[in-house]
């Protein structure tokens, strides 16, 4: 069966994105520099596409990451996801000496249909590290401090390396006479600070700062109760000693749900709408291949690349 088309029923619908590392290897193992690069890449994506994205929360372990966000439309989501996945692959691959694609497969992209389900997905993300037996408490995770950001207001500060600028600097450096070259440009010369700001989930949009932090603390408490750590955990120091090229002996694999919803009726309604979207999209693709101009591609999906407008267009 072909893979599911990218589909967004309406603008700024919350969605859960999941990216798994190649062969489930620990290529997202946390560390000071890895954390800075992850935040820097996401911060750069928000700088480029921030008007089209609401970033709510993220979580994960050493071999995968979950992100809950909302996007203006399917094409804005595709641009943001492409930027983050590609540059995380480059930055963490360079850091951990991994060549080739960083990710095992296409990202899982699952719509979240209601606020109760959104709360449950936030709980699930918050409980990733304790559920896997990596740390005793969710806040002990030594990776990107997503939990501290929402419960304490800690800023998420990272670094973005402008590698295009670095290439140009090195080309100019190599073109000079050897006697005038000086120091070869280094990665630190193109480092730029990036700050990631999280948006309150829609059900808490009107909450004060104090109320918002209290609600997030409730999420963490529910996560730790629902996904308690086993008797023995690896601990923060043990997590930092994990070798990125290693992988678990067994990896959990299974089909992802088509949609996250509280009721069967919501799921069935979503499936019916998706089927109608697929029929319209396939008809438009057939017309495009036949050379018919003005193909009516449904706005809920992504148009082919040659028809898609330029970013900001």
Protein backbone atom coordinates (compact mmCIF):
# COMPACT_ATOMS: atom_id res chain seq x y z
CA UNK A 1 0.00 0.00 0.00
CA UNK A 2 1.28 3.49 -0.84
CA UNK A 3 2.21 5.86 1.93
CA UNK A 4 -0.38 8.24 3.29
CA UNK A 5 -0.59 11.66 1.65
CA UNK A 6 0.23 14.72 3.70
CA UNK A 7 -3.13 16.08 4.81
CA UNK A 8 -4.21 18.92 7.07
CA UNK A 9 -7.93 19.42 7.56
CA UNK A 10 -7.54 23.08 8.56
CA UNK A 11 -4.89 25.62 9.36
CA UNK A 12 -3.04 25.45 12.68
CA UNK A 13 -4.37 22.03 13.55
CA UNK A 14 -2.07 20.48 16.20
CA UNK A 15 0.04 17.65 14.89
CA UNK A 16 2.53 15.22 16.40
CA UNK A 17 5.72 14.66 14.42
CA UNK A 18 7.97 11.68 15.18
CA UNK A 19 11.44 11.13 13.72
CA UNK A 20 13.43 7.97 14.46
CA UNK A 21 17.17 7.68 13.94
CA UNK A 22 18.60 5.27 11.37
CA UNK A 23 18.48 1.68 12.63
CA UNK A 24 17.25 3.10 15.98
CA UNK A 25 20.85 4.11 16.77
CA UNK A 26 21.48 6.60 19.54
CA UNK A 27 22.28 9.44 17.16
CA UNK A 28 20.29 11.92 19.24
CA UNK A 29 22.21 11.18 22.41
CA UNK A 30 22.15 14.36 24.49
CA UNK A 31 25.20 16.36 25.39
CA UNK A 32 26.13 20.00 25.76
CA UNK A 33 27.01 20.52 22.11
CA UNK A 34 24.25 18.24 20.79
CA UNK A 35 21.65 20.11 22.84
CA UNK A 36 22.92 23.45 21.55
CA UNK A 37 22.78 22.27 17.95
CA UNK A 38 19.27 20.82 18.26
CA UNK A 39 17.92 24.07 19.69
CA UNK A 40 19.91 26.07 17.14
CA UNK A 41 18.46 24.19 14.18
CA UNK A 42 14.90 24.55 15.48
CA UNK A 43 15.56 28.20 16.31
CA UNK A 44 16.77 28.86 12.76
CA UNK A 45 13.67 27.14 11.36
CA UNK A 46 11.48 29.34 13.55
CA UNK A 47 13.36 32.43 12.37
CA UNK A 48 12.73 31.49 8.74
CA UNK A 49 9.17 30.17 9.06
CA UNK A 50 8.02 31.36 12.49
CA UNK A 51 4.92 33.15 11.20
CA UNK A 52 3.61 29.83 9.93
CA UNK A 53 4.44 27.67 12.96
CA UNK A 54 3.27 27.31 16.56
CA UNK A 55 5.68 25.11 18.53
CA UNK A 56 4.09 23.64 21.66
CA UNK A 57 6.45 21.02 23.09
CA UNK A 58 8.97 18.31 22.25
CA UNK A 59 10.39 15.20 23.84
CA UNK A 60 12.21 11.99 23.06
CA UNK A 61 15.16 9.82 23.97
CA UNK A 62 18.56 9.01 22.45
CA UNK A 63 17.17 7.60 19.20
CA UNK A 64 14.02 9.54 18.39
CA UNK A 65 12.27 12.86 18.86
CA UNK A 66 8.60 13.84 19.12
CA UNK A 67 7.42 17.38 18.34
CA UNK A 68 3.93 18.76 18.87
CA UNK A 69 3.26 21.84 16.79
CA UNK A 70 0.70 23.52 14.52
CA UNK A 71 1.20 24.93 11.03
CA UNK A 72 -0.57 27.42 8.82
CA UNK A 73 -1.06 24.82 6.07
CA UNK A 74 0.40 21.59 4.75
CA UNK A 75 3.02 23.35 2.63
CA UNK A 76 4.26 25.41 5.59
CA UNK A 77 4.55 22.19 7.57
CA UNK A 78 6.52 20.55 4.76
CA UNK A 79 8.98 23.47 4.56
CA UNK A 80 9.55 23.56 8.33
CA UNK A 81 9.91 19.79 8.67
CA UNK A 82 12.30 19.62 5.72
CA UNK A 83 14.52 22.34 7.22
CA UNK A 84 14.66 20.81 10.70
CA UNK A 85 15.14 17.18 9.62
CA UNK A 86 17.81 18.04 7.05
CA UNK A 87 19.83 20.28 9.32
CA UNK A 88 19.56 18.04 12.38
CA UNK A 89 20.92 15.28 10.17
CA UNK A 90 23.84 17.48 9.11
CA UNK A 91 24.67 18.90 12.53
CA UNK A 92 24.34 15.75 14.60
CA UNK A 93 25.88 13.64 11.84
CA UNK A 94 28.95 15.89 11.85
CA UNK A 95 29.07 15.80 15.65
CA UNK A 96 28.75 12.02 15.93
CA UNK A 97 30.59 11.04 12.74
CA UNK A 98 27.56 9.56 10.99
CA UNK A 99 27.44 9.86 7.23
CA UNK A 100 24.32 9.60 5.16
CA UNK A 101 20.72 10.03 6.23
CA UNK A 102 20.26 10.48 9.96
CA UNK A 103 16.67 9.21 9.93
CA UNK A 104 15.27 5.75 9.42
CA UNK A 105 12.24 6.70 7.37
CA UNK A 106 9.81 9.44 6.53
CA UNK A 107 8.54 11.25 9.59
CA UNK A 108 5.34 10.14 11.23
CA UNK A 109 2.83 12.97 10.96
CA UNK A 110 -0.34 12.47 13.02
CA UNK A 111 -3.11 15.04 13.45
CA UNK A 112 -4.47 15.72 16.95
CA UNK A 113 -8.19 16.43 16.76
CA UNK A 114 -9.23 17.71 20.19
CA UNK A 115 -7.86 19.34 23.32
CA UNK A 116 -8.25 16.30 25.56
CA UNK A 117 -6.16 14.25 23.16
CA UNK A 118 -3.63 17.05 22.89
CA UNK A 119 -3.21 16.94 26.67
CA UNK A 120 -2.65 13.17 26.50
CA UNK A 121 -0.01 13.55 23.80
CA UNK A 122 1.83 16.17 25.86
CA UNK A 123 1.80 13.74 28.78
CA UNK A 124 3.20 11.03 26.52
CA UNK A 125 6.04 13.26 25.33
CA UNK A 126 6.88 14.33 28.87
CA UNK A 127 7.12 10.71 30.01
CA UNK A 128 9.49 9.46 27.30
CA UNK A 129 12.68 9.37 29.38
CA UNK A 130 11.14 7.79 32.49
CA UNK A 131 9.15 5.28 30.42
CA UNK A 132 12.40 4.11 28.78
CA UNK A 133 14.14 3.70 32.14
CA UNK A 134 16.69 6.41 31.40
CA UNK A 135 16.04 8.73 34.35
CA UNK A 136 14.05 8.65 37.58
CA UNK A 137 12.29 11.99 37.05
CA UNK A 138 11.34 13.65 33.79
CA UNK A 139 13.27 16.81 34.69
CA UNK A 140 16.48 14.75 35.14
CA UNK A 141 16.77 14.14 31.40
CA UNK A 142 20.12 15.67 30.33
CA UNK A 143 18.91 16.57 26.85
CA UNK A 144 17.26 19.77 25.66
CA UNK A 145 15.46 21.16 28.74
CA UNK A 146 11.97 21.27 27.25
CA UNK A 147 10.43 20.50 30.65
CA UNK A 148 12.33 23.24 32.47
CA UNK A 149 11.34 25.66 29.71
CA UNK A 150 7.63 25.14 30.30
CA UNK A 151 7.63 24.65 34.08
CA UNK A 152 10.31 27.18 35.09
CA UNK A 153 10.52 29.56 32.16
CA UNK A 154 14.12 28.58 31.39
CA UNK A 155 15.11 29.97 27.98
CA UNK A 156 15.99 27.51 25.23
CA UNK A 157 19.22 28.88 23.81
CA UNK A 158 21.17 27.12 21.05
CA UNK A 159 23.71 27.73 18.32
CA UNK A 160 23.21 27.86 14.57
CA UNK A 161 26.27 27.33 12.40
CA UNK A 162 25.99 29.18 9.09
CA UNK A 163 27.87 26.61 7.03
CA UNK A 164 27.19 28.43 3.76
CA UNK A 165 28.99 31.47 5.14
CA UNK A 166 31.78 29.24 6.44
CA UNK A 167 32.26 27.76 2.96
CA UNK A 168 32.53 31.24 1.45
CA UNK A 169 35.01 32.36 4.10
CA UNK A 170 37.17 29.32 3.46
CA UNK A 171 37.05 29.80 -0.31
CA UNK A 172 38.17 33.40 0.12
CA UNK A 173 40.86 32.28 2.57
CA UNK A 174 42.19 29.66 0.13
CA UNK A 175 42.29 32.23 -2.70
CA UNK A 176 44.70 34.49 -0.81
CA UNK A 177 48.49 34.11 -1.08
CA UNK A 178 49.79 31.75 1.60
CA UNK A 179 51.72 34.56 3.26
CA UNK A 180 48.48 36.51 3.83
CA UNK A 181 46.06 33.75 4.75
CA UNK A 182 46.31 33.81 8.51
CA UNK A 183 44.12 31.45 10.49
CA UNK A 184 41.79 29.20 8.52
CA UNK A 185 38.14 30.09 9.25
CA UNK A 186 36.66 27.74 11.85
CA UNK A 187 33.14 26.66 12.75
CA UNK A 188 33.16 28.98 15.75
CA UNK A 189 33.52 31.96 13.38
CA UNK A 190 30.03 31.40 11.96
CA UNK A 191 28.23 30.49 15.20
CA UNK A 192 25.03 32.46 15.83
CA UNK A 193 22.82 32.31 18.91
CA UNK A 194 19.25 31.16 18.45
CA UNK A 195 16.47 31.19 21.04
CA UNK A 196 13.39 28.97 20.76
CA UNK A 197 10.13 30.21 22.28
CA UNK A 198 7.32 27.75 22.94
CA UNK A 199 3.68 28.67 22.38
CA UNK A 200 1.06 27.74 25.00
CA UNK A 201 -1.25 24.95 23.75
CA UNK A 202 -4.61 26.29 22.53
CA UNK A 203 -6.56 25.11 25.59
CA UNK A 204 -4.26 27.24 27.80
CA UNK A 205 -3.90 30.22 25.48
CA UNK A 206 -5.69 32.58 27.88
CA UNK A 207 -3.84 31.42 31.02
CA UNK A 208 -1.55 33.72 32.95
CA UNK A 209 2.13 32.83 33.19
CA UNK A 210 1.68 31.35 36.66
CA UNK A 211 -1.38 29.34 35.62
CA UNK A 212 0.42 28.10 32.53
CA UNK A 213 3.39 26.80 34.53
CA UNK A 214 1.03 25.13 36.99
CA UNK A 215 -0.75 23.35 34.15
CA UNK A 216 2.56 22.17 32.73
CA UNK A 217 3.61 20.88 36.15
CA UNK A 218 0.37 18.90 36.17
CA UNK A 219 1.36 17.40 32.80
CA UNK A 220 4.72 16.33 34.23
CA UNK A 221 3.12 14.83 37.36
CA UNK A 222 0.64 12.83 35.28
CA UNK A 223 3.47 11.67 32.99
CA UNK A 224 5.62 10.44 35.87
CA UNK A 225 2.65 8.64 37.42
CA UNK A 226 1.57 7.04 34.15
CA UNK A 227 5.06 6.20 32.89
CA UNK A 228 7.06 5.51 36.07
CA UNK A 229 10.73 4.63 35.85
CA UNK A 230 11.55 0.96 36.51
CA UNK A 231 13.48 -0.08 39.60
CA UNK A 232 16.84 0.56 37.98
CA UNK A 233 17.56 3.48 35.67
CA UNK A 234 20.55 4.51 33.60
CA UNK A 235 20.67 7.97 35.15
CA UNK A 236 21.78 11.28 33.57
CA UNK A 237 25.49 10.41 33.76
CA UNK A 238 24.84 7.03 32.16
CA UNK A 239 22.82 8.63 29.35
CA UNK A 240 25.72 10.95 28.55
CA UNK A 241 28.04 7.93 28.28
CA UNK A 242 25.90 6.17 25.68
CA UNK A 243 27.76 5.64 22.39
CA UNK A 244 25.85 7.28 19.52
CA UNK A 245 26.55 4.46 17.04
CA UNK A 246 25.15 1.78 19.35
CA UNK A 247 21.55 0.65 19.11
CA UNK A 248 19.12 -1.32 21.28
CA UNK A 249 18.99 -5.08 20.93
CA UNK A 250 15.28 -4.82 20.35
CA UNK A 251 13.43 -1.83 19.00
CA UNK A 252 9.70 -1.25 19.34
CA UNK A 253 8.12 -1.16 15.90
CA UNK A 254 4.51 -1.02 14.92
CA UNK A 255 2.03 0.83 12.74
CA UNK A 256 1.32 4.40 13.79
CA UNK A 257 -2.30 5.48 14.16
CA UNK A 258 -3.73 7.53 11.32
CA UNK A 259 -4.99 10.19 13.73
CA UNK A 260 -5.12 10.98 17.46
CA UNK A 261 -8.67 11.54 18.73
CA UNK A 262 -10.80 10.98 21.82
CA UNK A 263 -13.68 9.19 20.13
CA UNK A 264 -14.34 6.70 17.39
CA UNK A 265 -16.77 9.13 15.74
CA UNK A 266 -14.01 11.73 15.37
CA UNK A 267 -11.67 9.18 13.82
CA UNK A 268 -14.32 7.99 11.35
CA UNK A 269 -15.18 11.56 10.35
CA UNK A 270 -11.50 12.31 9.81
CA UNK A 271 -11.08 9.19 7.67
CA UNK A 272 -14.05 10.14 5.49
CA UNK A 273 -12.64 13.63 4.97
CA UNK A 274 -9.24 12.16 4.17
CA UNK A 275 -10.70 9.78 1.58
CA UNK A 276 -12.46 12.69 -0.13
CA UNK A 277 -9.18 14.63 -0.12
CA UNK A 278 -7.30 11.69 -1.68
CA UNK A 279 -9.87 11.39 -4.49
CA UNK A 280 -9.59 15.10 -5.29
CA UNK A 281 -5.79 15.03 -5.11
CA UNK A 282 -5.48 12.00 -7.37
CA UNK A 283 -7.85 13.54 -9.92
CA UNK A 284 -5.75 16.73 -9.93
CA UNK A 285 -2.56 14.70 -10.38
CA UNK A 286 -4.11 12.84 -13.31
CA UNK A 287 -5.03 16.14 -14.95
CA UNK A 288 -1.54 17.53 -14.35
CA UNK A 289 0.09 14.51 -16.00
CA UNK A 290 -2.25 14.98 -18.97
CA UNK A 291 -0.97 18.53 -19.36
CA UNK A 292 -4.17 20.25 -18.28
CA UNK A 293 -3.51 23.73 -16.85
CA UNK A 294 -5.07 25.03 -13.64
CA UNK A 295 -5.38 21.68 -11.89
CA UNK A 296 -7.52 22.05 -8.79
CA UNK A 297 -5.28 20.67 -6.06
CA UNK A 298 -7.05 20.62 -2.67
CA UNK A 299 -5.69 23.20 -0.21
CA UNK A 300 -5.50 20.57 2.56
CA UNK A 301 -2.43 18.98 0.97
CA UNK A 302 0.91 19.79 -0.64
CA UNK A 303 0.99 20.59 -4.33
CA UNK A 304 3.74 19.06 -6.49
CA UNK A 305 7.05 20.90 -6.19
CA UNK A 306 6.84 22.46 -9.64
CA UNK A 307 3.45 23.98 -8.74
CA UNK A 308 4.20 24.99 -5.16
CA UNK A 309 4.70 28.73 -4.53
CA UNK A 310 8.05 29.95 -3.27
CA UNK A 311 8.26 30.46 0.52
CA UNK A 312 6.58 33.73 1.35
CA UNK A 313 4.99 33.83 -2.11
